[in-house]
């Protein structure tokens, strides 16, 4: 079984091409749990599978978190898989990717930078306090796509001075807050200047902080744009793995598109030889 490992702003993934491997979908949770373990295998935040399209796209993307749970979508993963699709002849410089939560369109900017249109928001609640650790925390709640990928955008002044350890307990508590029936990715943010944001995301399915979360970044910028706190035009978001840029397309008060731009990196390619991986 061949694999490619990539990362988008530090959000890292193992990619399997099921057009070649022809594996049954039921084995992917086991593959994700085994191969994504950082100490015992290749290590990654998640597994992405390229498969045959069903809705007229160039190909279909399946995404599994490192705990084996199936994810609705992944923004940085989609940027990486667009590069994979282009460089492996599955699509051109502009492509259409099917995801469990809807269609994602992607565009190649140059060898390493890709821009995607995230799935459209299906739920927007700008003032949605969430209970955790015995108190209510201000936040906005956004779901992208159908079924919706849930995100909480939580203001955190002085975020750049805090560490993951400082916020881990709160991130975990908010991720499981009763305000979010299916859980949520918790995106702490701080506005650091005109059109500039710092962000740190505690991701469900990984159950820890990651170096970047593309859909979370899009959700944060969307919320702040609708609240009038950023322009929504090429907003720069600093995450532990680098910088992402988001543009919110609007027509009056209606959100028309969320565009996410950022880098990709091919880390390695090879053959899976993990002796602890047992699939049939």
Protein backbone atom coordinates (compact mmCIF):
# COMPACT_ATOMS: atom_id res chain seq x y z
CA UNK A 1 0.00 0.00 0.00
CA UNK A 2 1.56 3.28 -1.16
CA UNK A 3 1.19 6.53 0.76
CA UNK A 4 2.07 10.21 0.54
CA UNK A 5 2.54 12.35 3.62
CA UNK A 6 1.81 16.07 3.30
CA UNK A 7 1.14 19.03 5.52
CA UNK A 8 -0.64 22.33 5.08
CA UNK A 9 0.72 24.94 7.51
CA UNK A 10 1.72 22.12 9.85
CA UNK A 11 -1.64 20.30 9.69
CA UNK A 12 -0.36 16.91 8.49
CA UNK A 13 -2.00 14.05 6.64
CA UNK A 14 -1.41 10.62 5.18
CA UNK A 15 -2.89 10.29 1.70
CA UNK A 16 -3.94 6.95 0.18
CA UNK A 17 -5.05 6.65 -3.44
CA UNK A 18 -7.92 4.20 -3.37
CA UNK A 19 -8.30 4.42 -7.14
CA UNK A 20 -5.18 2.23 -7.09
CA UNK A 21 -5.47 0.39 -3.75
CA UNK A 22 -9.18 -0.54 -4.16
CA UNK A 23 -9.76 -1.03 -0.43
CA UNK A 24 -13.25 -1.34 1.13
CA UNK A 25 -14.32 1.81 2.96
CA UNK A 26 -14.79 -0.10 6.20
CA UNK A 27 -11.05 -0.51 6.72
CA UNK A 28 -10.19 3.20 6.69
CA UNK A 29 -10.90 3.89 10.41
CA UNK A 30 -8.45 1.12 11.36
CA UNK A 31 -5.86 2.42 8.90
CA UNK A 32 -6.27 5.94 10.30
CA UNK A 33 -5.91 4.90 13.94
CA UNK A 34 -2.86 2.77 13.19
CA UNK A 35 -0.91 4.92 10.74
CA UNK A 36 -1.65 8.30 12.39
CA UNK A 37 -0.16 7.26 15.75
CA UNK A 38 2.92 9.47 16.06
CA UNK A 39 4.96 7.14 18.25
CA UNK A 40 4.08 3.78 16.75
CA UNK A 41 3.66 4.53 13.04
CA UNK A 42 3.96 7.27 10.41
CA UNK A 43 2.08 9.85 12.47
CA UNK A 44 -0.41 12.48 11.29
CA UNK A 45 -3.44 14.52 12.27
CA UNK A 46 -5.57 12.56 9.85
CA UNK A 47 -5.95 10.20 6.90
CA UNK A 48 -7.21 11.33 3.50
CA UNK A 49 -8.41 8.89 0.88
CA UNK A 50 -8.74 9.66 -2.83
CA UNK A 51 -11.63 7.71 -4.34
CA UNK A 52 -13.87 7.66 -7.40
CA UNK A 53 -16.28 10.61 -7.80
CA UNK A 54 -20.01 10.16 -7.39
CA UNK A 55 -21.31 13.64 -8.19
CA UNK A 56 -19.37 14.62 -11.31
CA UNK A 57 -16.27 15.93 -9.52
CA UNK A 58 -12.69 15.16 -10.48
CA UNK A 59 -12.44 12.76 -7.53
CA UNK A 60 -13.83 12.18 -4.05
CA UNK A 61 -12.00 12.94 -0.80
CA UNK A 62 -12.70 10.95 2.36
CA UNK A 63 -11.25 12.24 5.62
CA UNK A 64 -10.61 10.39 8.88
CA UNK A 65 -9.30 11.92 12.09
CA UNK A 66 -6.39 10.29 13.87
CA UNK A 67 -8.81 8.54 16.24
CA UNK A 68 -10.50 6.85 13.28
CA UNK A 69 -13.64 8.97 13.30
CA UNK A 70 -14.86 10.17 9.93
CA UNK A 71 -14.65 13.92 9.42
CA UNK A 72 -17.05 16.02 7.39
CA UNK A 73 -14.27 18.00 5.70
CA UNK A 74 -10.79 19.38 6.22
CA UNK A 75 -9.66 22.69 4.77
CA UNK A 76 -5.90 22.24 4.93
CA UNK A 77 -6.36 18.65 3.86
CA UNK A 78 -8.35 19.80 0.85
CA UNK A 79 -5.55 22.17 -0.16
CA UNK A 80 -3.04 19.33 0.12
CA UNK A 81 -5.22 16.91 -1.79
CA UNK A 82 -5.69 19.47 -4.58
CA UNK A 83 -1.92 19.54 -5.01
CA UNK A 84 -1.88 15.74 -4.92
CA UNK A 85 -4.65 15.63 -7.53
CA UNK A 86 -2.86 18.04 -9.83
CA UNK A 87 0.57 16.41 -9.55
CA UNK A 88 -0.85 12.91 -10.02
CA UNK A 89 -2.89 13.75 -13.09
CA UNK A 90 -6.33 13.49 -11.46
CA UNK A 91 -7.29 17.09 -12.23
CA UNK A 92 -6.05 20.31 -13.77
CA UNK A 93 -4.99 23.56 -12.13
CA UNK A 94 -8.64 24.16 -11.25
CA UNK A 95 -10.47 21.23 -9.82
CA UNK A 96 -13.64 20.04 -8.17
CA UNK A 97 -13.35 17.74 -5.16
CA UNK A 98 -16.26 15.90 -3.57
CA UNK A 99 -16.22 15.80 0.24
CA UNK A 100 -18.71 14.31 2.72
CA UNK A 101 -20.02 17.81 3.51
CA UNK A 102 -20.22 19.12 -0.05
CA UNK A 103 -18.25 20.19 -3.10
CA UNK A 104 -14.87 21.89 -2.64
CA UNK A 105 -13.28 23.77 -5.53
CA UNK A 106 -9.53 24.31 -5.65
CA UNK A 107 -7.04 26.34 -7.65
CA UNK A 108 -3.27 26.04 -8.02
CA UNK A 109 -1.47 29.33 -7.40
CA UNK A 110 2.06 27.98 -7.77
CA UNK A 111 3.92 24.77 -6.94
CA UNK A 112 3.27 24.93 -3.21
CA UNK A 113 0.39 27.36 -2.71
CA UNK A 114 -3.23 26.40 -3.27
CA UNK A 115 -6.53 28.19 -2.81
CA UNK A 116 -9.79 26.40 -2.08
CA UNK A 117 -13.38 27.41 -1.64
CA UNK A 118 -14.59 25.89 1.60
CA UNK A 119 -18.04 24.39 1.88
CA UNK A 120 -20.66 27.07 2.55
CA UNK A 121 -21.86 27.79 6.10
CA UNK A 122 -25.05 25.97 7.06
CA UNK A 123 -25.28 27.36 10.63
CA UNK A 124 -24.15 30.82 11.82
CA UNK A 125 -24.67 31.91 15.43
CA UNK A 126 -22.53 34.94 16.19
CA UNK A 127 -23.48 35.31 19.87
CA UNK A 128 -23.52 31.79 21.29
CA UNK A 129 -21.98 31.51 24.78
CA UNK A 130 -20.81 28.02 25.73
CA UNK A 131 -20.57 26.51 29.20
CA UNK A 132 -17.31 24.93 30.35
CA UNK A 133 -15.41 24.73 33.63
CA UNK A 134 -18.39 26.13 35.52
CA UNK A 135 -18.80 29.34 33.56
CA UNK A 136 -20.01 30.65 30.21
CA UNK A 137 -17.47 31.69 27.59
CA UNK A 138 -18.27 34.11 24.77
CA UNK A 139 -18.06 32.51 21.36
CA UNK A 140 -19.58 32.24 17.92
CA UNK A 141 -20.74 28.94 16.45
CA UNK A 142 -20.34 28.10 12.76
CA UNK A 143 -21.07 24.91 10.83
CA UNK A 144 -19.60 24.55 7.35
CA UNK A 145 -21.24 22.27 4.79
CA UNK A 146 -24.03 19.70 5.08
CA UNK A 147 -23.66 17.74 7.30
CA UNK A 148 -22.09 20.66 9.09
CA UNK A 149 -18.52 20.68 10.39
CA UNK A 150 -18.89 22.42 13.80
CA UNK A 151 -16.62 25.25 14.95
CA UNK A 152 -16.57 27.46 18.02
CA UNK A 153 -14.74 30.77 17.61
CA UNK A 154 -13.59 31.88 21.06
CA UNK A 155 -11.92 35.27 21.71
CA UNK A 156 -8.68 34.98 23.66
CA UNK A 157 -6.87 38.30 24.23
CA UNK A 158 -3.09 37.90 24.41
CA UNK A 159 -3.23 34.54 22.66
CA UNK A 160 0.29 34.87 21.24
CA UNK A 161 1.63 34.97 24.80
CA UNK A 162 -0.13 31.73 25.77
CA UNK A 163 0.96 28.16 25.14
CA UNK A 164 -0.97 25.05 24.17
CA UNK A 165 -0.46 23.82 27.72
CA UNK A 166 -2.06 27.01 29.08
CA UNK A 167 -5.24 26.41 27.08
CA UNK A 168 -5.45 22.62 26.75
CA UNK A 169 -7.87 22.01 29.64
CA UNK A 170 -10.18 24.81 28.50
CA UNK A 171 -10.01 23.66 24.89
CA UNK A 172 -10.95 20.12 25.89
CA UNK A 173 -13.78 21.33 28.11
CA UNK A 174 -15.24 23.58 25.41
CA UNK A 175 -14.90 20.85 22.80
CA UNK A 176 -17.29 18.76 24.94
CA UNK A 177 -19.52 21.66 26.03
CA UNK A 178 -23.27 20.83 26.11
CA UNK A 179 -23.71 23.85 23.85
CA UNK A 180 -22.36 21.71 21.01
CA UNK A 181 -24.41 18.48 20.68
CA UNK A 182 -21.94 16.90 18.25
CA UNK A 183 -18.86 18.52 19.75
CA UNK A 184 -16.89 21.29 18.10
CA UNK A 185 -13.45 22.32 16.99
CA UNK A 186 -12.49 25.08 19.40
CA UNK A 187 -10.74 28.00 17.70
CA UNK A 188 -9.15 30.48 20.11
CA UNK A 189 -8.38 33.78 18.37
CA UNK A 190 -7.00 37.25 18.97
CA UNK A 191 -7.18 40.22 16.59
CA UNK A 192 -3.63 41.56 16.51
CA UNK A 193 -3.95 44.32 13.91
CA UNK A 194 -5.98 45.47 10.89
CA UNK A 195 -6.71 42.31 8.93
CA UNK A 196 -4.46 40.23 11.18
CA UNK A 197 -5.47 37.41 13.54
CA UNK A 198 -3.67 34.87 15.70
CA UNK A 199 -5.43 31.52 16.06
CA UNK A 200 -5.01 28.20 17.90
CA UNK A 201 -7.36 25.25 17.39
CA UNK A 202 -8.24 22.31 19.63
CA UNK A 203 -9.58 19.73 17.17
CA UNK A 204 -12.14 17.05 17.87
CA UNK A 205 -11.03 13.67 16.55
CA UNK A 206 -7.41 14.59 17.23
CA UNK A 207 -8.41 15.59 20.79
CA UNK A 208 -5.57 18.05 21.07
CA UNK A 209 -4.25 21.22 19.50
CA UNK A 210 -3.04 21.03 15.91
CA UNK A 211 -0.66 23.34 14.09
CA UNK A 212 -3.48 24.61 11.87
CA UNK A 213 -7.15 24.07 11.06
CA UNK A 214 -8.27 25.37 7.68
CA UNK A 215 -12.01 25.14 8.25
CA UNK A 216 -11.55 26.64 11.71
CA UNK A 217 -9.63 29.55 10.25
CA UNK A 218 -12.38 30.12 7.71
CA UNK A 219 -15.03 29.97 10.43
CA UNK A 220 -13.22 32.49 12.63
CA UNK A 221 -12.74 34.99 9.81
CA UNK A 222 -16.36 34.52 8.74
CA UNK A 223 -17.64 35.30 12.23
CA UNK A 224 -15.38 38.33 12.65
CA UNK A 225 -16.30 39.64 9.20
CA UNK A 226 -20.03 39.41 9.93
CA UNK A 227 -19.45 41.17 13.26
CA UNK A 228 -17.58 43.98 11.48
CA UNK A 229 -14.28 43.33 13.25
CA UNK A 230 -12.27 42.51 10.10
CA UNK A 231 -12.83 43.41 6.46
CA UNK A 232 -13.07 39.82 5.22
CA UNK A 233 -10.66 40.63 2.39
CA UNK A 234 -7.38 38.66 2.39
CA UNK A 235 -7.29 38.40 6.19
CA UNK A 236 -3.94 37.04 7.43
CA UNK A 237 -4.23 34.38 10.13
CA UNK A 238 -1.13 33.29 12.02
CA UNK A 239 -1.26 29.70 13.29
CA UNK A 240 1.51 27.61 14.89
CA UNK A 241 2.34 26.07 11.50
CA UNK A 242 2.56 29.29 9.50
CA UNK A 243 0.12 31.70 7.89
CA UNK A 244 -3.21 31.20 6.15
CA UNK A 245 -5.26 33.81 4.31
CA UNK A 246 -9.03 34.01 4.10
CA UNK A 247 -11.37 36.06 1.92
CA UNK A 248 -15.12 36.13 2.54
CA UNK A 249 -17.21 36.65 -0.58
CA UNK A 250 -20.43 38.53 0.22
CA UNK A 251 -23.39 39.94 -1.61
CA UNK A 252 -25.10 42.36 0.71
CA UNK A 253 -25.55 40.48 3.99
CA UNK A 254 -25.33 37.07 2.34
CA UNK A 255 -22.16 34.98 2.49
CA UNK A 256 -21.38 33.74 -1.00
CA UNK A 257 -18.03 32.01 -0.49
CA UNK A 258 -15.15 31.39 1.93
CA UNK A 259 -11.77 31.23 0.23
CA UNK A 260 -8.77 29.72 2.04
CA UNK A 261 -5.22 30.16 0.71
CA UNK A 262 -2.00 28.72 2.07
CA UNK A 263 1.07 26.54 1.60
CA UNK A 264 1.41 22.80 1.09
CA UNK A 265 4.40 20.57 1.68
CA UNK A 266 5.12 17.06 0.40
CA UNK A 267 7.00 15.42 3.28
CA UNK A 268 7.58 11.89 2.02
CA UNK A 269 6.23 9.11 -0.17
CA UNK A 270 6.64 5.40 0.28
CA UNK A 271 5.17 2.03 1.06
CA UNK A 272 3.29 1.21 4.24
CA UNK A 273 5.06 -1.65 6.00
CA UNK A 274 3.53 -1.27 9.47
CA UNK A 275 3.36 -4.76 10.96
CA UNK A 276 0.70 -3.69 13.45
CA UNK A 277 -1.73 -2.78 10.66
CA UNK A 278 -4.19 -5.65 10.28
CA UNK A 279 -6.86 -5.22 7.62
CA UNK A 280 -8.69 -7.74 5.48
